N, C-alpha and C. Protein backbone atom coordinates (compact mmCIF):
# COMPACT_ATOMS: atom_id res chain seq x y z
N MET A 1 84.79 87.58 81.19
CA MET A 1 86.03 86.68 81.35
C MET A 1 86.33 85.25 82.65
N SER A 2 86.47 84.78 82.54
CA SER A 2 86.74 84.25 83.79
C SER A 2 88.28 83.65 84.06
N ILE A 3 88.99 84.47 84.95
CA ILE A 3 89.81 84.07 85.43
C ILE A 3 90.26 83.30 86.88
N GLY A 4 90.72 82.57 86.52
CA GLY A 4 91.49 81.56 87.67
C GLY A 4 92.82 81.93 88.62
N PHE A 5 93.03 81.73 89.41
CA PHE A 5 94.20 81.62 90.16
C PHE A 5 95.02 80.48 90.30
N LEU A 6 96.21 79.99 90.08
CA LEU A 6 96.90 78.77 90.56
C LEU A 6 97.44 78.60 91.73
N PRO A 7 97.58 77.16 92.37
CA PRO A 7 97.50 77.30 93.13
C PRO A 7 99.08 77.62 93.37
N ILE A 8 99.80 78.26 94.74
CA ILE A 8 101.06 78.45 94.83
C ILE A 8 101.47 78.56 96.03
N ASP A 9 102.50 77.74 97.18
CA ASP A 9 102.36 77.61 98.39
C ASP A 9 102.98 79.14 98.47
N ALA A 10 103.08 79.72 99.99
CA ALA A 10 103.93 80.91 99.73
C ALA A 10 105.18 80.57 100.27
N GLN A 11 106.53 81.00 100.35
CA GLN A 11 107.56 80.68 101.17
C GLN A 11 108.09 79.31 100.95
N LYS A 12 107.51 78.86 100.20
CA LYS A 12 108.21 76.97 99.51
C LYS A 12 108.90 77.27 98.28
N PRO A 13 110.69 76.79 98.68
CA PRO A 13 111.47 77.38 97.48
C PRO A 13 111.16 76.95 96.15
N SER A 14 110.49 75.07 96.45
CA SER A 14 110.33 74.52 94.99
C SER A 14 109.43 73.66 95.13
N GLN A 15 107.99 73.79 94.19
CA GLN A 15 107.08 73.19 94.06
C GLN A 15 106.33 72.73 92.92
N ARG A 16 106.32 71.66 93.23
CA ARG A 16 105.50 71.30 92.02
C ARG A 16 103.66 71.35 91.76
N LYS A 17 103.06 71.44 90.83
CA LYS A 17 101.50 71.25 90.88
C LYS A 17 101.22 70.49 89.71
N ARG A 18 99.76 70.14 89.33
CA ARG A 18 99.31 69.67 88.28
C ARG A 18 97.95 70.34 88.54
N ILE A 19 96.87 70.88 87.25
CA ILE A 19 95.54 71.42 87.07
C ILE A 19 95.69 70.86 85.57
N THR A 20 94.49 71.12 85.30
CA THR A 20 93.61 71.52 84.10
C THR A 20 93.41 72.43 83.69
N VAL A 21 94.02 72.93 82.84
CA VAL A 21 93.32 73.85 81.95
C VAL A 21 92.68 73.67 80.25
N ASP A 22 91.43 74.44 80.24
CA ASP A 22 91.47 74.63 78.96
C ASP A 22 91.13 72.47 78.48
N GLY A 23 90.96 71.83 79.67
CA GLY A 23 90.84 70.39 78.92
C GLY A 23 92.07 69.82 79.01
N HIS A 24 93.13 70.54 79.46
CA HIS A 24 94.42 69.77 79.24
C HIS A 24 95.01 69.66 80.37
N LYS A 25 95.98 68.59 80.84
CA LYS A 25 96.87 68.27 81.99
C LYS A 25 98.29 69.31 81.96
N LEU A 26 98.43 70.04 83.04
CA LEU A 26 99.33 71.17 82.52
C LEU A 26 99.76 71.02 84.11
N GLU A 27 101.43 70.91 83.97
CA GLU A 27 102.19 70.71 85.02
C GLU A 27 103.22 71.83 85.47
N TYR A 28 103.30 72.25 86.25
CA TYR A 28 104.11 73.36 86.48
C TYR A 28 105.21 73.26 87.72
N HIS A 29 106.33 73.64 87.40
CA HIS A 29 107.33 73.80 88.79
C HIS A 29 108.15 75.25 88.83
N VAL A 30 107.54 75.31 90.01
CA VAL A 30 107.60 77.11 90.61
C VAL A 30 108.94 76.63 91.36
N ARG A 31 110.28 77.54 91.14
CA ARG A 31 111.00 77.43 92.17
C ARG A 31 112.06 78.92 92.71
N TRP A 32 112.66 78.97 93.50
CA TRP A 32 113.35 80.14 94.16
C TRP A 32 114.98 79.57 93.78
N GLN A 33 115.60 80.90 93.08
CA GLN A 33 116.51 80.62 92.82
C GLN A 33 117.67 81.66 93.65
N GLN A 34 118.18 80.98 94.60
CA GLN A 34 118.78 81.85 95.92
C GLN A 34 119.92 83.05 95.19
N THR A 35 120.89 82.23 94.49
CA THR A 35 121.57 83.00 93.93
C THR A 35 121.47 84.65 92.67
N SER A 36 120.55 84.07 92.23
CA SER A 36 119.74 85.35 91.26
C SER A 36 118.74 86.15 92.60
N GLY A 37 118.10 85.81 93.25
CA GLY A 37 117.01 86.53 93.90
C GLY A 37 115.53 86.41 93.24
N ARG A 38 115.40 85.29 92.49
CA ARG A 38 114.42 85.62 91.39
C ARG A 38 113.31 84.31 91.24
N TRP A 39 112.43 83.94 90.73
CA TRP A 39 111.29 82.86 91.19
C TRP A 39 111.69 82.59 89.24
N PHE A 40 111.47 81.28 88.91
CA PHE A 40 111.79 80.67 87.67
C PHE A 40 110.57 79.25 87.70
N ILE A 41 109.65 79.41 86.93
CA ILE A 41 108.65 78.26 85.91
C ILE A 41 109.21 77.52 85.13
N SER A 42 108.72 76.28 85.37
CA SER A 42 108.61 74.89 84.13
C SER A 42 107.19 74.81 83.67
N LEU A 43 106.92 74.63 82.72
CA LEU A 43 105.34 74.11 82.48
C LEU A 43 105.72 72.95 81.21
N ASP A 44 104.85 71.87 81.37
CA ASP A 44 104.65 70.93 81.16
C ASP A 44 103.43 70.29 80.73
N CYS A 45 102.90 70.08 79.45
CA CYS A 45 101.51 70.28 78.60
C CYS A 45 101.85 69.06 77.32
N ASP A 46 102.05 67.84 77.74
CA ASP A 46 102.32 66.98 76.43
C ASP A 46 100.91 67.14 75.37
N ALA A 47 99.67 67.11 75.63
CA ALA A 47 98.71 67.26 74.96
C ALA A 47 98.94 68.24 73.81
N VAL A 48 99.41 69.34 74.23
CA VAL A 48 100.07 70.32 73.53
C VAL A 48 101.43 70.51 72.78
N GLY A 49 102.33 70.13 73.39
CA GLY A 49 103.41 69.72 72.82
C GLY A 49 104.66 71.37 73.92
N LEU A 50 103.68 71.64 74.96
CA LEU A 50 103.97 72.45 75.68
C LEU A 50 105.64 71.86 76.46
N HIS A 51 106.82 72.10 76.55
CA HIS A 51 107.70 72.12 77.23
C HIS A 51 108.64 73.19 77.66
N SER A 52 108.43 73.99 78.36
CA SER A 52 109.17 75.01 78.47
C SER A 52 109.65 74.68 80.13
N LYS A 53 111.05 75.55 80.17
CA LYS A 53 112.03 75.08 81.39
C LYS A 53 112.70 76.41 82.05
N GLY A 54 112.60 76.79 83.18
CA GLY A 54 113.40 77.74 83.41
C GLY A 54 112.79 78.94 83.00
N LEU A 55 111.80 79.45 82.73
CA LEU A 55 111.10 80.84 82.33
C LEU A 55 111.05 82.09 84.01
N GLY A 56 111.37 82.89 83.52
CA GLY A 56 111.70 83.57 85.01
C GLY A 56 110.36 84.23 85.14
N LEU A 57 109.97 84.69 86.27
CA LEU A 57 108.24 84.51 86.48
C LEU A 57 108.61 86.35 86.63
N VAL A 58 107.80 87.13 85.94
CA VAL A 58 108.02 88.19 85.35
C VAL A 58 106.63 88.85 85.47
N THR A 59 106.41 90.11 86.24
CA THR A 59 104.45 90.60 86.14
C THR A 59 104.28 91.15 84.99
N GLY A 60 103.45 90.38 84.74
CA GLY A 60 102.49 91.29 82.86
C GLY A 60 102.91 90.20 81.82
N MET A 61 103.48 89.20 81.98
CA MET A 61 104.20 88.34 81.18
C MET A 61 103.54 87.38 80.52
N ASP A 62 102.78 86.86 79.07
CA ASP A 62 101.89 85.93 79.22
C ASP A 62 103.01 84.40 79.08
N LEU A 63 102.70 83.80 79.99
CA LEU A 63 103.92 82.66 80.03
C LEU A 63 103.36 81.40 78.76
N LEU A 64 102.33 81.88 78.13
CA LEU A 64 102.29 80.75 77.42
C LEU A 64 102.31 81.30 76.16
N ALA A 65 102.48 82.91 75.50
CA ALA A 65 102.29 83.06 74.49
C ALA A 65 103.59 82.48 73.17
N ASN A 66 103.21 82.07 72.09
CA ASN A 66 103.86 81.56 71.39
C ASN A 66 104.54 80.18 71.47
N ARG A 67 103.89 79.49 72.64
CA ARG A 67 105.02 78.45 72.96
C ARG A 67 103.86 77.30 72.70
N THR A 68 102.29 77.52 72.70
CA THR A 68 101.28 76.47 72.84
C THR A 68 100.32 76.51 71.24
N GLN A 69 100.59 77.20 70.86
CA GLN A 69 99.79 77.47 68.89
C GLN A 69 98.74 77.71 69.22
N GLU A 70 98.56 78.65 70.09
CA GLU A 70 96.62 79.05 70.42
C GLU A 70 95.82 77.94 70.96
N GLN A 71 96.44 76.76 71.38
CA GLN A 71 95.59 76.14 72.46
C GLN A 71 95.28 76.03 73.50
N LEU A 72 95.63 76.76 74.21
CA LEU A 72 95.40 77.30 75.73
C LEU A 72 95.35 79.14 75.19
N GLY A 73 95.13 79.32 76.82
CA GLY A 73 94.39 80.44 76.96
C GLY A 73 95.69 81.52 77.70
N ILE A 74 95.63 82.50 78.45
CA ILE A 74 96.82 83.28 79.16
C ILE A 74 97.38 83.09 80.48
N LEU A 75 98.61 82.85 80.85
CA LEU A 75 98.92 82.42 81.84
C LEU A 75 99.67 83.45 82.32
N MET A 76 99.79 84.40 83.27
CA MET A 76 100.51 85.16 83.95
C MET A 76 100.71 85.74 85.51
N LEU A 77 101.46 86.20 85.51
CA LEU A 77 102.06 86.26 87.08
C LEU A 77 101.40 87.99 87.20
N LEU A 78 100.53 87.87 88.17
CA LEU A 78 99.83 89.26 88.43
C LEU A 78 99.98 89.63 89.80
N ASP A 79 100.80 91.17 89.87
CA ASP A 79 101.15 92.06 91.12
C ASP A 79 99.86 92.69 91.73
N LEU A 80 99.12 92.06 92.87
CA LEU A 80 97.79 92.35 93.47
C LEU A 80 98.21 94.07 94.24
N GLN A 81 99.18 94.32 94.10
CA GLN A 81 100.25 95.39 94.67
C GLN A 81 100.58 96.60 93.96
N GLY A 82 100.61 96.54 92.80
CA GLY A 82 101.44 97.17 92.07
C GLY A 82 101.90 96.52 90.85
N ASP A 83 103.45 96.76 90.43
CA ASP A 83 103.74 96.38 89.01
C ASP A 83 104.93 95.71 89.44
N GLU A 84 105.86 95.00 90.07
CA GLU A 84 106.90 94.86 90.21
C GLU A 84 107.30 92.97 90.63
N ASP A 85 108.11 92.63 90.04
CA ASP A 85 108.38 91.33 90.10
C ASP A 85 108.90 90.85 91.49
N PRO A 86 108.25 89.59 91.51
CA PRO A 86 107.89 88.42 93.00
C PRO A 86 109.25 88.66 93.81
N ASP A 87 109.01 88.75 94.86
CA ASP A 87 110.32 88.20 96.05
C ASP A 87 109.77 87.09 96.53
N PHE A 88 111.17 86.18 97.42
CA PHE A 88 110.33 85.41 98.15
C PHE A 88 109.39 85.01 98.93
N ASP A 89 109.08 86.17 99.86
CA ASP A 89 107.88 86.02 101.00
C ASP A 89 106.81 86.31 100.08
N GLY A 90 106.66 86.95 98.99
CA GLY A 90 105.28 87.58 98.38
C GLY A 90 104.68 86.46 97.13
N LEU A 91 105.39 85.54 96.59
CA LEU A 91 104.71 84.50 95.71
C LEU A 91 103.61 83.47 96.41
N GLY A 92 102.43 83.91 95.65
CA GLY A 92 101.10 83.17 96.34
C GLY A 92 100.52 83.90 97.39
N VAL A 93 100.74 85.03 97.69
CA VAL A 93 100.01 86.11 98.83
C VAL A 93 99.91 87.60 97.61
N ARG A 94 100.78 88.01 97.73
CA ARG A 94 100.89 89.55 96.66
C ARG A 94 100.83 89.27 95.45
N TRP A 95 101.78 88.32 94.88
CA TRP A 95 101.93 87.65 93.37
C TRP A 95 101.25 86.52 93.00
N LYS A 96 100.43 86.48 92.64
CA LYS A 96 99.72 85.39 91.67
C LYS A 96 99.56 84.94 90.35
N LEU A 97 99.58 83.57 90.08
CA LEU A 97 99.62 83.07 88.40
C LEU A 97 97.67 83.09 88.21
N ALA A 98 97.97 83.63 87.22
CA ALA A 98 96.21 83.75 86.86
C ALA A 98 96.26 83.10 85.60
N TYR A 99 95.19 82.45 85.14
CA TYR A 99 95.00 81.81 83.84
C TYR A 99 93.57 82.38 83.62
N ALA A 100 93.98 82.72 82.24
CA ALA A 100 92.32 83.25 81.69
C ALA A 100 92.04 82.32 80.12
N PRO A 101 91.12 81.45 80.33
CA PRO A 101 90.72 80.01 79.46
C PRO A 101 90.49 80.65 77.94
N ARG A 102 91.08 80.59 76.82
CA ARG A 102 91.36 80.43 75.59
C ARG A 102 89.61 80.76 75.06
N ALA A 103 88.56 80.15 75.46
CA ALA A 103 87.39 80.95 75.07
C ALA A 103 87.14 82.16 75.41
N ASP A 104 87.85 82.59 76.54
CA ASP A 104 87.68 83.74 77.16
C ASP A 104 88.80 84.79 76.29
N VAL A 105 89.86 84.38 76.17
CA VAL A 105 90.79 85.19 75.57
C VAL A 105 90.30 85.23 73.96
N GLU A 106 89.49 84.38 73.20
CA GLU A 106 89.08 84.76 71.80
C GLU A 106 88.10 85.78 71.42
N THR A 107 87.94 85.90 72.64
CA THR A 107 86.21 87.49 72.60
C THR A 107 87.03 88.70 72.67
N PHE A 108 88.57 88.72 72.60
CA PHE A 108 88.96 90.15 72.72
C PHE A 108 89.50 90.36 70.88
C-alpha cells in the first residue's frame, strides 16, 4: 500500500492547498478555529462531486467516506505519537493528513 502525506504547514491557522489524488484535482482548506480550539477542513473535487465544508479534523476518521461514491481512496488524519485529536502546534508535525489511493484500498 502506498500512503502519501498531504502538505500542511505547522502553526499556520488558515491554509489552502491543491494536489492530485487518483488522477483528480483535490483542493483542501485547513483552518484553526480559536473559539473551539479545533482544526477544520473543507474538501473540493469537482470531478467527483465532492464539496464538503467545515469537517472537524478528528484522528482516525476517513474524511472521504460516503462522500465520493468510491472514486477516491482514503483521507485520514494520523497521530504519529498516540490517538489524540490535533492541537494548534502539532498539525503537520505530530498529526499528518494521509492519503491511500483507491487502487490500494480495493485490495482489502
